[in-house]
Amino acid sequence: MSSRTPSPEEALNFVKTNGIVLESAHGRVPTFVDFAAGERVADWWNHPKGRSILL
């Protein structure tokens, strides 16, 4: 797991690079919550970073 939350610039670059991302639901495109947490997140409110990842 990543030890830090991505900067706003890193978050925007993730969206620009992927073109379209999902907020938190899983599908065929990348998920922003997984990117911000640094790992696949099944239930982000119970994830250690759940309260610090503001969408």
PDB file of N, CA and C in Angstrom:
ATOM      1  N   MET A   1       0.842  -1.174   0.000  1.00  0.00           N
ATOM      2  CA  MET A   1       0.000   0.000   0.000  1.00  0.00           C
ATOM      3  C   MET A   1       0.887   1.237   0.000  1.00  0.00           C
ATOM      4  N   SER A   2       0.483   2.233  -0.753  1.00  0.00           N
ATOM      5  CA  SER A   2       1.207   3.492  -0.790  1.00  0.00           C
ATOM      6  C   SER A   2       1.098   4.165   0.571  1.00  0.00           C
ATOM      7  N   SER A   3       2.160   4.824   1.006  1.00  0.00           N
ATOM      8  CA  SER A   3       2.152   5.455   2.327  1.00  0.00           C
ATOM      9  C   SER A   3       1.645   6.882   2.301  1.00  0.00           C
ATOM     10  N   ARG A   4       1.310   7.401   1.125  1.00  0.00           N
ATOM     11  CA  ARG A   4       0.836   8.782   1.073  1.00  0.00           C
ATOM     12  C   ARG A   4      -0.293   8.921   0.061  1.00  0.00           C
ATOM     13  N   THR A   5      -1.076   9.956   0.244  1.00  0.00           N
ATOM     14  CA  THR A   5      -2.144  10.279  -0.694  1.00  0.00           C
ATOM     15  C   THR A   5      -1.535  11.077  -1.841  1.00  0.00           C
ATOM     16  N   PRO A   6      -1.918  10.795  -3.078  1.00  0.00           N
ATOM     17  CA  PRO A   6      -1.346  11.517  -4.221  1.00  0.00           C
ATOM     18  C   PRO A   6      -1.664  13.014  -4.163  1.00  0.00           C
ATOM     19  N   SER A   7      -0.769  13.803  -4.718  1.00  0.00           N
ATOM     20  CA  SER A   7      -0.989  15.251  -4.794  1.00  0.00           C
ATOM     21  C   SER A   7      -2.095  15.545  -5.804  1.00  0.00           C
ATOM     22  N   PRO A   8      -2.663  16.739  -5.755  1.00  0.00           N
ATOM     23  CA  PRO A   8      -3.674  17.103  -6.766  1.00  0.00           C
ATOM     24  C   PRO A   8      -3.137  16.972  -8.194  1.00  0.00           C
ATOM     25  N   GLU A   9      -1.873  17.322  -8.398  1.00  0.00           N
ATOM     26  CA  GLU A   9      -1.269  17.208  -9.730  1.00  0.00           C
ATOM     27  C   GLU A   9      -1.182  15.755 -10.169  1.00  0.00           C
ATOM     28  N   GLU A  10      -0.810  14.864  -9.262  1.00  0.00           N
ATOM     29  CA  GLU A  10      -0.749  13.436  -9.588  1.00  0.00           C
ATOM     30  C   GLU A  10      -2.142  12.887  -9.893  1.00  0.00           C
ATOM     31  N   ALA A  11      -3.140  13.345  -9.143  1.00  0.00           N
ATOM     32  CA  ALA A  11      -4.508  12.892  -9.375  1.00  0.00           C
ATOM     33  C   ALA A  11      -4.998  13.340 -10.753  1.00  0.00           C
ATOM     34  N   LEU A  12      -4.751  14.597 -11.114  1.00  0.00           N
ATOM     35  CA  LEU A  12      -5.156  15.091 -12.431  1.00  0.00           C
ATOM     36  C   LEU A  12      -4.419  14.362 -13.546  1.00  0.00           C
ATOM     37  N   ASN A  13      -3.138  14.084 -13.338  1.00  0.00           N
ATOM     38  CA  ASN A  13      -2.362  13.356 -14.343  1.00  0.00           C
ATOM     39  C   ASN A  13      -2.918  11.940 -14.531  1.00  0.00           C
ATOM     40  N   PHE A  14      -3.347  11.298 -13.446  1.00  0.00           N
ATOM     41  CA  PHE A  14      -3.955   9.967 -13.531  1.00  0.00           C
ATOM     42  C   PHE A  14      -5.195  10.017 -14.416  1.00  0.00           C
ATOM     43  N   VAL A  15      -6.048  11.023 -14.210  1.00  0.00           N
ATOM     44  CA  VAL A  15      -7.272  11.150 -15.006  1.00  0.00           C
ATOM     45  C   VAL A  15      -6.927  11.482 -16.459  1.00  0.00           C
ATOM     46  N   LYS A  16      -5.989  12.402 -16.676  1.00  0.00           N
ATOM     47  CA  LYS A  16      -5.593  12.759 -18.043  1.00  0.00           C
ATOM     48  C   LYS A  16      -5.002  11.561 -18.781  1.00  0.00           C
ATOM     49  N   THR A  17      -4.192  10.780 -18.098  1.00  0.00           N
ATOM     50  CA  THR A  17      -3.544   9.620 -18.709  1.00  0.00           C
ATOM     51  C   THR A  17      -4.561   8.552 -19.097  1.00  0.00           C
ATOM     52  N   ASN A  18      -5.562   8.329 -18.240  1.00  0.00           N
ATOM     53  CA  ASN A  18      -6.537   7.271 -18.474  1.00  0.00           C
ATOM     54  C   ASN A  18      -7.759   7.732 -19.261  1.00  0.00           C
ATOM     55  N   GLY A  19      -7.959   9.028 -19.363  1.00  0.00           N
ATOM     56  CA  GLY A  19      -9.075   9.561 -20.137  1.00  0.00           C
ATOM     57  C   GLY A  19     -10.402   9.533 -19.409  1.00  0.00           C
ATOM     58  N   ILE A  20     -10.713   8.428 -18.790  1.00  0.00           N
ATOM     59  CA  ILE A  20     -11.939   8.288 -18.004  1.00  0.00           C
ATOM     60  C   ILE A  20     -11.635   7.323 -16.866  1.00  0.00           C
ATOM     61  N   VAL A  21     -12.134   7.643 -15.680  1.00  0.00           N
ATOM     62  CA  VAL A  21     -11.944   6.767 -14.527  1.00  0.00           C
ATOM     63  C   VAL A  21     -13.253   6.721 -13.742  1.00  0.00           C
ATOM     64  N   LEU A  22     -13.428   5.655 -13.002  1.00  0.00           N
ATOM     65  CA  LEU A  22     -14.577   5.546 -12.107  1.00  0.00           C
ATOM     66  C   LEU A  22     -14.201   6.143 -10.760  1.00  0.00           C
ATOM     67  N   GLU A  23     -15.192   6.662 -10.045  1.00  0.00           N
ATOM     68  CA  GLU A  23     -14.925   7.242  -8.740  1.00  0.00           C
ATOM     69  C   GLU A  23     -14.514   6.150  -7.750  1.00  0.00           C
ATOM     70  N   SER A  24     -15.382   5.161  -7.563  1.00  0.00           N
ATOM     71  CA  SER A  24     -15.063   4.101  -6.617  1.00  0.00           C
ATOM     72  C   SER A  24     -15.579   2.728  -7.026  1.00  0.00           C
ATOM     73  N   ALA A  25     -16.579   2.670  -7.902  1.00  0.00           N
ATOM     74  CA  ALA A  25     -17.096   1.381  -8.362  1.00  0.00           C
ATOM     75  C   ALA A  25     -16.075   0.715  -9.275  1.00  0.00           C
ATOM     76  N   HIS A  26     -16.049  -0.594  -9.310  1.00  0.00           N
ATOM     77  CA  HIS A  26     -15.110  -1.298 -10.168  1.00  0.00           C
ATOM     78  C   HIS A  26     -15.779  -1.664 -11.485  1.00  0.00           C
ATOM     79  N   GLY A  27     -15.046  -1.503 -12.558  1.00  0.00           N
ATOM     80  CA  GLY A  27     -15.551  -1.816 -13.883  1.00  0.00           C
ATOM     81  C   GLY A  27     -14.385  -2.060 -14.819  1.00  0.00           C
ATOM     82  N   ARG A  28     -14.564  -1.723 -16.092  1.00  0.00           N
ATOM     83  CA  ARG A  28     -13.527  -1.969 -17.106  1.00  0.00           C
ATOM     84  C   ARG A  28     -12.513  -0.842 -17.226  1.00  0.00           C
ATOM     85  N   VAL A  29     -12.728   0.250 -16.512  1.00  0.00           N
ATOM     86  CA  VAL A  29     -11.788   1.377 -16.533  1.00  0.00           C
ATOM     87  C   VAL A  29     -11.192   1.542 -15.135  1.00  0.00           C
ATOM     88  N   PRO A  30     -10.056   2.244 -15.022  1.00  0.00           N
ATOM     89  CA  PRO A  30      -9.418   2.403 -13.713  1.00  0.00           C
ATOM     90  C   PRO A  30     -10.330   3.098 -12.693  1.00  0.00           C
ATOM     91  N   THR A  31     -10.074   2.833 -11.430  1.00  0.00           N
ATOM     92  CA  THR A  31     -10.828   3.406 -10.322  1.00  0.00           C
ATOM     93  C   THR A  31      -9.960   4.404  -9.569  1.00  0.00           C
ATOM     94  N   PHE A  32     -10.466   5.620  -9.374  1.00  0.00           N
ATOM     95  CA  PHE A  32      -9.681   6.645  -8.695  1.00  0.00           C
ATOM     96  C   PHE A  32      -9.346   6.257  -7.257  1.00  0.00           C
ATOM     97  N   VAL A  33     -10.290   5.663  -6.542  1.00  0.00           N
ATOM     98  CA  VAL A  33     -10.033   5.269  -5.153  1.00  0.00           C
ATOM     99  C   VAL A  33      -8.880   4.269  -5.085  1.00  0.00           C
ATOM    100  N   ASP A  34      -8.835   3.302  -6.000  1.00  0.00           N
ATOM    101  CA  ASP A  34      -7.721   2.345  -6.023  1.00  0.00           C
ATOM    102  C   ASP A  34      -6.405   3.077  -6.271  1.00  0.00           C
ATOM    103  N   PHE A  35      -6.414   4.042  -7.195  1.00  0.00           N
ATOM    104  CA  PHE A  35      -5.215   4.836  -7.471  1.00  0.00           C
ATOM    105  C   PHE A  35      -4.779   5.597  -6.220  1.00  0.00           C
ATOM    106  N   ALA A  36      -5.711   6.278  -5.572  1.00  0.00           N
ATOM    107  CA  ALA A  36      -5.377   7.089  -4.401  1.00  0.00           C
ATOM    108  C   ALA A  36      -4.899   6.238  -3.225  1.00  0.00           C
ATOM    109  N   ALA A  37      -5.477   5.043  -3.071  1.00  0.00           N
ATOM    110  CA  ALA A  37      -5.078   4.159  -1.971  1.00  0.00           C
ATOM    111  C   ALA A  37      -3.791   3.401  -2.274  1.00  0.00           C
ATOM    112  N   GLY A  38      -3.475   3.285  -3.568  1.00  0.00           N
ATOM    113  CA  GLY A  38      -2.273   2.546  -3.947  1.00  0.00           C
ATOM    114  C   GLY A  38      -2.487   1.047  -4.017  1.00  0.00           C
ATOM    115  N   GLU A  39      -3.749   0.612  -3.970  1.00  0.00           N
ATOM    116  CA  GLU A  39      -4.088  -0.805  -4.039  1.00  0.00           C
ATOM    117  C   GLU A  39      -5.570  -0.952  -4.335  1.00  0.00           C
ATOM    118  N   ARG A  40      -5.998  -2.163  -4.693  1.00  0.00           N
ATOM    119  CA  ARG A  40      -7.421  -2.428  -4.953  1.00  0.00           C
ATOM    120  C   ARG A  40      -8.181  -2.317  -3.636  1.00  0.00           C
ATOM    121  N   VAL A  41      -9.253  -1.543  -3.636  1.00  0.00           N
ATOM    122  CA  VAL A  41     -10.045  -1.318  -2.430  1.00  0.00           C
ATOM    123  C   VAL A  41     -11.454  -1.859  -2.661  1.00  0.00           C
ATOM    124  N   ALA A  42     -11.862  -2.809  -1.838  1.00  0.00           N
ATOM    125  CA  ALA A  42     -13.196  -3.395  -1.967  1.00  0.00           C
ATOM    126  C   ALA A  42     -14.234  -2.534  -1.243  1.00  0.00           C
ATOM    127  N   ASP A  43     -13.901  -2.044  -0.072  1.00  0.00           N
ATOM    128  CA  ASP A  43     -14.817  -1.241   0.735  1.00  0.00           C
ATOM    129  C   ASP A  43     -14.030  -0.055   1.275  1.00  0.00           C
ATOM    130  N   TRP A  44     -14.052   1.045   0.538  1.00  0.00           N
ATOM    131  CA  TRP A  44     -13.133   2.129   0.868  1.00  0.00           C
ATOM    132  C   TRP A  44     -13.436   2.832   2.172  1.00  0.00           C
ATOM    133  N   TRP A  45     -14.674   2.801   2.667  1.00  0.00           N
ATOM    134  CA  TRP A  45     -14.964   3.430   3.961  1.00  0.00           C
ATOM    135  C   TRP A  45     -14.304   2.655   5.105  1.00  0.00           C
ATOM    136  N   ASN A  46     -14.027   1.380   4.913  1.00  0.00           N
ATOM    137  CA  ASN A  46     -13.344   0.584   5.934  1.00  0.00           C
ATOM    138  C   ASN A  46     -11.837   0.512   5.692  1.00  0.00           C
ATOM    139  N   HIS A  47     -11.370   1.113   4.614  1.00  0.00           N
ATOM    140  CA  HIS A  47      -9.938   1.127   4.299  1.00  0.00           C
ATOM    141  C   HIS A  47      -9.244   2.137   5.208  1.00  0.00           C
ATOM    142  N   PRO A  48      -7.989   1.869   5.637  1.00  0.00           N
ATOM    143  CA  PRO A  48      -7.268   2.805   6.510  1.00  0.00           C
ATOM    144  C   PRO A  48      -7.213   4.239   5.970  1.00  0.00           C
ATOM    145  N   LYS A  49      -7.218   4.403   4.635  1.00  0.00           N
ATOM    146  CA  LYS A  49      -7.184   5.744   4.058  1.00  0.00           C
ATOM    147  C   LYS A  49      -8.570   6.276   3.708  1.00  0.00           C
ATOM    148  N   GLY A  50      -9.612   5.540   4.046  1.00  0.00           N
ATOM    149  CA  GLY A  50     -10.967   5.888   3.648  1.00  0.00           C
ATOM    150  C   GLY A  50     -11.408   7.291   4.022  1.00  0.00           C
ATOM    151  N   ARG A  51     -11.011   7.780   5.177  1.00  0.00           N
ATOM    152  CA  ARG A  51     -11.430   9.112   5.622  1.00  0.00           C
ATOM    153  C   ARG A  51     -10.549  10.225   5.067  1.00  0.00           C
ATOM    154  N   SER A  52      -9.369   9.868   4.554  1.00  0.00           N
ATOM    155  CA  SER A  52      -8.467  10.896   4.041  1.00  0.00           C
ATOM    156  C   SER A  52      -8.566  11.069   2.526  1.00  0.00           C
ATOM    157  N   ILE A  53      -9.220  10.124   1.826  1.00  0.00           N
ATOM    158  CA  ILE A  53      -9.389  10.230   0.386  1.00  0.00           C
ATOM    159  C   ILE A  53     -10.688  10.986   0.138  1.00  0.00           C
ATOM    160  N   LEU A  54     -10.564  12.234  -0.228  1.00  0.00           N
ATOM    161  CA  LEU A  54     -11.749  13.059  -0.482  1.00  0.00           C
ATOM    162  C   LEU A  54     -11.978  13.144  -1.962  1.00  0.00           C
ATOM    163  N   LEU A  55     -13.124  12.723  -2.402  1.00  0.00           N
ATOM    164  CA  LEU A  55     -13.445  12.735  -3.826  1.00  0.00           C
ATOM    165  C   LEU A  55     -14.138  14.011  -4.202  1.00  0.00           C
TER     166      LEU A  55
END
